[in-house]
Amino acid sequence: MRCSSFSGTHLTQKKTIAFSFQFPETQRRAMTEHEDQIAQYRLKLEETAALVARIRHEINNPLTGVLGQAQLLLREDLSERSRKRVQTIEDLAIRLRDIVAQLREVQKPAGDPHGEG
């Protein structure tokens, strides 16, 4: 049976521990395949996070304009019917803004509460 070996050292505060492992060739090959899959999944996650960031940006910019204009209109003297329509626009824009903000959570790498890569 062909074997692959792995050796190294592990440093602790008090001593250095030397270790050596031997893996059958099939087990080493399976580990390499798993590492390749993990690398592919990580790349896909990074690509997805980048896409989410672009989508957030592309939605947030015009949405900020729509929300600001609706809020400016609400300061003006409007008929009751127009006021209700503009209020609906503002409410929906705020709802969209909150949904887009939730996408920030999708962007964050696991274990990073600030979304910093």
N, C-alpha and C. Protein backbone atom coordinates (compact mmCIF):
# COMPACT_ATOMS: atom_id res chain seq x y z
N MET A 1 0.85 -1.17 0.00
CA MET A 1 0.00 0.00 0.00
C MET A 1 0.90 1.24 0.00
N ARG A 2 0.65 2.17 -0.96
CA ARG A 2 1.42 3.41 -0.99
C ARG A 2 0.93 4.35 0.09
N CYS A 3 1.87 5.03 0.73
CA CYS A 3 1.52 5.95 1.79
C CYS A 3 2.15 7.30 1.53
N SER A 4 1.46 8.34 1.95
CA SER A 4 2.02 9.69 1.95
C SER A 4 2.26 10.06 3.39
N SER A 5 3.34 10.77 3.61
CA SER A 5 3.64 11.14 4.99
C SER A 5 3.47 12.64 5.17
N PHE A 6 3.24 13.00 6.41
CA PHE A 6 3.07 14.39 6.80
C PHE A 6 3.76 14.54 8.13
N SER A 7 4.58 15.53 8.25
CA SER A 7 5.23 15.74 9.54
C SER A 7 5.33 17.24 9.79
N GLY A 8 5.60 17.58 11.03
CA GLY A 8 5.72 18.99 11.38
C GLY A 8 5.95 19.14 12.86
N THR A 9 5.85 20.36 13.32
CA THR A 9 6.00 20.63 14.74
C THR A 9 4.85 21.50 15.20
N HIS A 10 4.55 21.38 16.45
CA HIS A 10 3.51 22.19 17.07
C HIS A 10 4.14 22.85 18.28
N LEU A 11 4.10 24.16 18.33
CA LEU A 11 4.71 24.88 19.44
C LEU A 11 3.66 25.18 20.51
N THR A 12 3.98 24.89 21.72
CA THR A 12 3.14 25.28 22.84
C THR A 12 3.97 26.21 23.70
N GLN A 13 3.40 26.72 24.76
CA GLN A 13 4.15 27.63 25.63
C GLN A 13 5.29 26.92 26.33
N LYS A 14 5.15 25.63 26.59
CA LYS A 14 6.15 24.94 27.38
C LYS A 14 7.08 24.05 26.58
N LYS A 15 6.62 23.53 25.42
CA LYS A 15 7.47 22.60 24.70
C LYS A 15 7.07 22.54 23.23
N THR A 16 7.93 21.99 22.43
CA THR A 16 7.67 21.75 21.03
C THR A 16 7.36 20.27 20.86
N ILE A 17 6.29 19.99 20.17
CA ILE A 17 5.87 18.61 19.95
C ILE A 17 6.11 18.28 18.48
N ALA A 18 6.89 17.25 18.23
CA ALA A 18 7.12 16.80 16.85
C ALA A 18 6.09 15.73 16.54
N PHE A 19 5.60 15.74 15.31
CA PHE A 19 4.63 14.72 14.95
C PHE A 19 4.86 14.28 13.52
N SER A 20 4.39 13.10 13.23
CA SER A 20 4.50 12.55 11.89
C SER A 20 3.32 11.63 11.66
N PHE A 21 2.68 11.76 10.51
CA PHE A 21 1.56 10.91 10.16
C PHE A 21 1.82 10.30 8.80
N GLN A 22 1.30 9.14 8.58
CA GLN A 22 1.35 8.53 7.26
C GLN A 22 -0.07 8.21 6.83
N PHE A 23 -0.41 8.65 5.62
CA PHE A 23 -1.74 8.41 5.10
C PHE A 23 -1.64 7.51 3.89
N PRO A 24 -2.52 6.56 3.76
CA PRO A 24 -2.56 5.78 2.53
C PRO A 24 -2.81 6.72 1.35
N GLU A 25 -2.28 6.39 0.20
CA GLU A 25 -2.38 7.24 -0.99
C GLU A 25 -3.83 7.58 -1.31
N THR A 26 -4.75 6.65 -1.16
CA THR A 26 -6.16 6.93 -1.47
C THR A 26 -6.74 7.95 -0.49
N GLN A 27 -6.32 7.88 0.77
CA GLN A 27 -6.80 8.84 1.76
C GLN A 27 -6.24 10.23 1.47
N ARG A 28 -4.96 10.29 1.07
CA ARG A 28 -4.35 11.57 0.73
C ARG A 28 -5.05 12.18 -0.48
N ARG A 29 -5.37 11.35 -1.46
CA ARG A 29 -6.05 11.83 -2.66
C ARG A 29 -7.43 12.36 -2.31
N ALA A 30 -8.14 11.66 -1.42
CA ALA A 30 -9.47 12.12 -0.99
C ALA A 30 -9.36 13.44 -0.26
N MET A 31 -8.31 13.60 0.58
CA MET A 31 -8.12 14.87 1.29
C MET A 31 -7.87 15.98 0.30
N THR A 32 -7.08 15.71 -0.74
CA THR A 32 -6.80 16.73 -1.76
C THR A 32 -8.07 17.11 -2.50
N GLU A 33 -8.90 16.13 -2.82
CA GLU A 33 -10.17 16.42 -3.49
C GLU A 33 -11.07 17.27 -2.60
N HIS A 34 -11.11 16.98 -1.31
CA HIS A 34 -11.91 17.79 -0.38
C HIS A 34 -11.37 19.21 -0.29
N GLU A 35 -10.05 19.34 -0.26
CA GLU A 35 -9.45 20.67 -0.22
C GLU A 35 -9.79 21.45 -1.48
N ASP A 36 -9.78 20.76 -2.63
CA ASP A 36 -10.15 21.42 -3.89
C ASP A 36 -11.61 21.87 -3.85
N GLN A 37 -12.49 21.03 -3.33
CA GLN A 37 -13.90 21.39 -3.22
C GLN A 37 -14.08 22.59 -2.30
N ILE A 38 -13.37 22.58 -1.18
CA ILE A 38 -13.46 23.69 -0.24
C ILE A 38 -13.00 24.98 -0.92
N ALA A 39 -11.90 24.91 -1.66
CA ALA A 39 -11.39 26.09 -2.36
C ALA A 39 -12.41 26.59 -3.38
N GLN A 40 -13.06 25.66 -4.10
CA GLN A 40 -14.08 26.05 -5.07
C GLN A 40 -15.27 26.71 -4.39
N TYR A 41 -15.70 26.15 -3.24
CA TYR A 41 -16.81 26.73 -2.50
C TYR A 41 -16.46 28.12 -1.97
N ARG A 42 -15.24 28.27 -1.49
CA ARG A 42 -14.81 29.59 -0.99
C ARG A 42 -14.81 30.62 -2.11
N LEU A 43 -14.31 30.22 -3.27
CA LEU A 43 -14.30 31.13 -4.42
C LEU A 43 -15.72 31.51 -4.81
N LYS A 44 -16.62 30.54 -4.81
CA LYS A 44 -18.01 30.82 -5.16
C LYS A 44 -18.65 31.77 -4.14
N LEU A 45 -18.34 31.56 -2.86
CA LEU A 45 -18.87 32.45 -1.82
C LEU A 45 -18.33 33.87 -1.99
N GLU A 46 -17.04 33.99 -2.33
CA GLU A 46 -16.46 35.32 -2.55
C GLU A 46 -17.11 36.00 -3.75
N GLU A 47 -17.35 35.24 -4.81
CA GLU A 47 -18.01 35.80 -5.98
C GLU A 47 -19.43 36.23 -5.66
N THR A 48 -20.13 35.43 -4.86
CA THR A 48 -21.50 35.77 -4.46
C THR A 48 -21.51 37.03 -3.60
N ALA A 49 -20.56 37.13 -2.67
CA ALA A 49 -20.48 38.32 -1.82
C ALA A 49 -20.21 39.57 -2.65
N ALA A 50 -19.36 39.44 -3.67
CA ALA A 50 -19.07 40.58 -4.54
C ALA A 50 -20.32 40.97 -5.34
N LEU A 51 -21.06 39.98 -5.81
CA LEU A 51 -22.31 40.26 -6.54
C LEU A 51 -23.32 40.96 -5.63
N VAL A 52 -23.46 40.49 -4.42
CA VAL A 52 -24.38 41.11 -3.46
C VAL A 52 -23.97 42.56 -3.20
N ALA A 53 -22.68 42.81 -3.08
CA ALA A 53 -22.20 44.18 -2.86
C ALA A 53 -22.57 45.08 -4.04
N ARG A 54 -22.41 44.58 -5.26
CA ARG A 54 -22.77 45.37 -6.44
C ARG A 54 -24.27 45.63 -6.48
N ILE A 55 -25.06 44.60 -6.17
CA ILE A 55 -26.52 44.76 -6.19
C ILE A 55 -26.95 45.79 -5.15
N ARG A 56 -26.38 45.69 -3.95
CA ARG A 56 -26.72 46.66 -2.90
C ARG A 56 -26.41 48.07 -3.37
N HIS A 57 -25.24 48.25 -3.96
CA HIS A 57 -24.83 49.58 -4.42
C HIS A 57 -25.78 50.09 -5.51
N GLU A 58 -26.09 49.23 -6.47
CA GLU A 58 -26.94 49.65 -7.59
C GLU A 58 -28.37 49.94 -7.15
N ILE A 59 -28.83 49.31 -6.10
CA ILE A 59 -30.19 49.58 -5.60
C ILE A 59 -30.18 50.79 -4.66
N ASN A 60 -29.18 50.86 -3.81
CA ASN A 60 -29.14 51.94 -2.80
C ASN A 60 -29.05 53.33 -3.41
N ASN A 61 -28.24 53.49 -4.45
CA ASN A 61 -28.06 54.84 -5.00
C ASN A 61 -29.37 55.45 -5.51
N PRO A 62 -30.09 54.80 -6.41
CA PRO A 62 -31.36 55.42 -6.85
C PRO A 62 -32.41 55.43 -5.74
N LEU A 63 -32.37 54.43 -4.89
CA LEU A 63 -33.35 54.36 -3.80
C LEU A 63 -33.20 55.56 -2.86
N THR A 64 -31.98 55.96 -2.59
CA THR A 64 -31.74 57.13 -1.74
C THR A 64 -32.36 58.37 -2.38
N GLY A 65 -32.23 58.49 -3.70
CA GLY A 65 -32.84 59.62 -4.41
C GLY A 65 -34.36 59.59 -4.33
N VAL A 66 -34.95 58.43 -4.53
CA VAL A 66 -36.40 58.30 -4.47
C VAL A 66 -36.91 58.65 -3.07
N LEU A 67 -36.26 58.11 -2.06
CA LEU A 67 -36.66 58.38 -0.68
C LEU A 67 -36.52 59.86 -0.34
N GLY A 68 -35.43 60.46 -0.74
CA GLY A 68 -35.22 61.89 -0.46
C GLY A 68 -36.25 62.76 -1.15
N GLN A 69 -36.56 62.45 -2.41
CA GLN A 69 -37.56 63.24 -3.13
C GLN A 69 -38.95 63.08 -2.51
N ALA A 70 -39.27 61.86 -2.09
CA ALA A 70 -40.57 61.65 -1.44
C ALA A 70 -40.65 62.44 -0.15
N GLN A 71 -39.58 62.45 0.62
CA GLN A 71 -39.58 63.20 1.87
C GLN A 71 -39.68 64.70 1.63
N LEU A 72 -39.04 65.19 0.56
CA LEU A 72 -39.17 66.61 0.22
C LEU A 72 -40.61 66.95 -0.20
N LEU A 73 -41.21 66.06 -0.98
CA LEU A 73 -42.60 66.29 -1.40
C LEU A 73 -43.55 66.33 -0.20
N LEU A 74 -43.29 65.51 0.79
CA LEU A 74 -44.16 65.48 1.97
C LEU A 74 -44.11 66.78 2.77
N ARG A 75 -43.10 67.60 2.54
CA ARG A 75 -43.00 68.90 3.21
C ARG A 75 -43.86 69.96 2.52
N GLU A 76 -44.26 69.65 1.30
CA GLU A 76 -45.04 70.63 0.52
C GLU A 76 -46.53 70.52 0.82
N ASP A 77 -47.25 71.52 0.37
CA ASP A 77 -48.70 71.56 0.53
C ASP A 77 -49.31 70.68 -0.56
N LEU A 78 -49.76 69.50 -0.19
CA LEU A 78 -50.31 68.54 -1.15
C LEU A 78 -51.77 68.25 -0.81
N SER A 79 -52.49 67.83 -1.84
CA SER A 79 -53.87 67.37 -1.58
C SER A 79 -53.76 66.08 -0.76
N GLU A 80 -54.84 65.73 -0.10
CA GLU A 80 -54.83 64.52 0.74
C GLU A 80 -54.52 63.28 -0.10
N ARG A 81 -55.07 63.25 -1.30
CA ARG A 81 -54.83 62.11 -2.19
C ARG A 81 -53.36 62.02 -2.59
N SER A 82 -52.76 63.15 -2.96
CA SER A 82 -51.33 63.17 -3.33
C SER A 82 -50.45 62.84 -2.14
N ARG A 83 -50.80 63.35 -0.97
CA ARG A 83 -50.02 63.08 0.24
C ARG A 83 -49.99 61.57 0.53
N LYS A 84 -51.14 60.91 0.38
CA LYS A 84 -51.20 59.46 0.62
C LYS A 84 -50.32 58.70 -0.38
N ARG A 85 -50.34 59.14 -1.63
CA ARG A 85 -49.51 58.49 -2.65
C ARG A 85 -48.02 58.67 -2.35
N VAL A 86 -47.64 59.88 -1.99
CA VAL A 86 -46.22 60.13 -1.68
C VAL A 86 -45.81 59.38 -0.41
N GLN A 87 -46.73 59.32 0.55
CA GLN A 87 -46.44 58.57 1.78
C GLN A 87 -46.22 57.09 1.47
N THR A 88 -47.00 56.56 0.53
CA THR A 88 -46.83 55.17 0.10
C THR A 88 -45.45 54.98 -0.54
N ILE A 89 -45.06 55.93 -1.37
CA ILE A 89 -43.73 55.86 -1.99
C ILE A 89 -42.65 55.85 -0.92
N GLU A 90 -42.78 56.75 0.05
CA GLU A 90 -41.78 56.80 1.13
C GLU A 90 -41.76 55.49 1.92
N ASP A 91 -42.92 54.99 2.28
CA ASP A 91 -42.98 53.74 3.06
C ASP A 91 -42.34 52.57 2.32
N LEU A 92 -42.64 52.46 1.03
CA LEU A 92 -42.07 51.36 0.24
C LEU A 92 -40.56 51.53 0.05
N ALA A 93 -40.11 52.77 -0.11
CA ALA A 93 -38.68 53.02 -0.25
C ALA A 93 -37.93 52.65 1.03
N ILE A 94 -38.53 52.96 2.16
CA ILE A 94 -37.92 52.59 3.44
C ILE A 94 -37.88 51.08 3.58
N ARG A 95 -38.95 50.42 3.17
CA ARG A 95 -38.98 48.96 3.23
C ARG A 95 -37.89 48.35 2.35
N LEU A 96 -37.73 48.86 1.15
CA LEU A 96 -36.65 48.38 0.27
C LEU A 96 -35.28 48.65 0.87
N ARG A 97 -35.11 49.83 1.45
CA ARG A 97 -33.83 50.18 2.08
C ARG A 97 -33.49 49.17 3.17
N ASP A 98 -34.49 48.77 3.96
CA ASP A 98 -34.26 47.80 5.04
C ASP A 98 -33.91 46.42 4.49
N ILE A 99 -34.57 46.03 3.41
CA ILE A 99 -34.26 44.74 2.78
C ILE A 99 -32.83 44.74 2.23
N VAL A 100 -32.45 45.82 1.58
CA VAL A 100 -31.10 45.92 1.03
C VAL A 100 -30.07 45.90 2.16
N ALA A 101 -30.39 46.52 3.28
CA ALA A 101 -29.47 46.50 4.43
C ALA A 101 -29.28 45.07 4.95
N GLN A 102 -30.32 44.25 4.85
CA GLN A 102 -30.19 42.85 5.29
C GLN A 102 -29.23 42.07 4.40
N LEU A 103 -29.05 42.50 3.16
CA LEU A 103 -28.11 41.83 2.26
C LEU A 103 -26.67 41.96 2.77
N ARG A 104 -26.42 42.96 3.58
CA ARG A 104 -25.09 43.12 4.17
C ARG A 104 -24.69 41.88 4.95
N GLU A 105 -25.68 41.25 5.61
CA GLU A 105 -25.42 40.04 6.39
C GLU A 105 -24.96 38.89 5.49
N VAL A 106 -25.49 38.84 4.27
CA VAL A 106 -25.10 37.79 3.32
C VAL A 106 -23.65 37.99 2.89
N GLN A 107 -23.23 39.23 2.80
CA GLN A 107 -21.88 39.56 2.36
C GLN A 107 -20.81 39.18 3.36
N LYS A 108 -21.13 39.19 4.64
CA LYS A 108 -20.12 39.01 5.66
C LYS A 108 -19.56 37.59 5.67
N PRO A 109 -18.24 37.48 5.75
CA PRO A 109 -17.66 36.14 5.92
C PRO A 109 -18.06 35.58 7.28
N ALA A 110 -18.14 34.27 7.38
CA ALA A 110 -18.51 33.64 8.65
C ALA A 110 -17.54 34.05 9.73
N GLY A 111 -18.07 34.41 10.87
CA GLY A 111 -17.23 34.78 12.02
C GLY A 111 -16.76 36.22 12.00
N ASP A 112 -17.19 37.01 11.01
CA ASP A 112 -16.78 38.40 10.93
C ASP A 112 -18.00 39.29 11.08
N PRO A 113 -18.24 39.81 12.30
CA PRO A 113 -19.45 40.59 12.54
C PRO A 113 -19.46 41.93 11.85
N HIS A 114 -18.31 42.38 11.32
CA HIS A 114 -18.24 43.70 10.69
C HIS A 114 -18.21 43.63 9.16
N GLY A 115 -18.17 42.41 8.62
CA GLY A 115 -18.15 42.26 7.17
C GLY A 115 -16.84 42.64 6.55
N GLU A 116 -15.78 42.69 7.32
CA GLU A 116 -14.46 43.05 6.80
C GLU A 116 -13.74 41.77 6.41
N GLY A 117 -13.23 41.75 5.17
CA GLY A 117 -12.63 40.55 4.63
C GLY A 117 -11.33 40.22 5.20
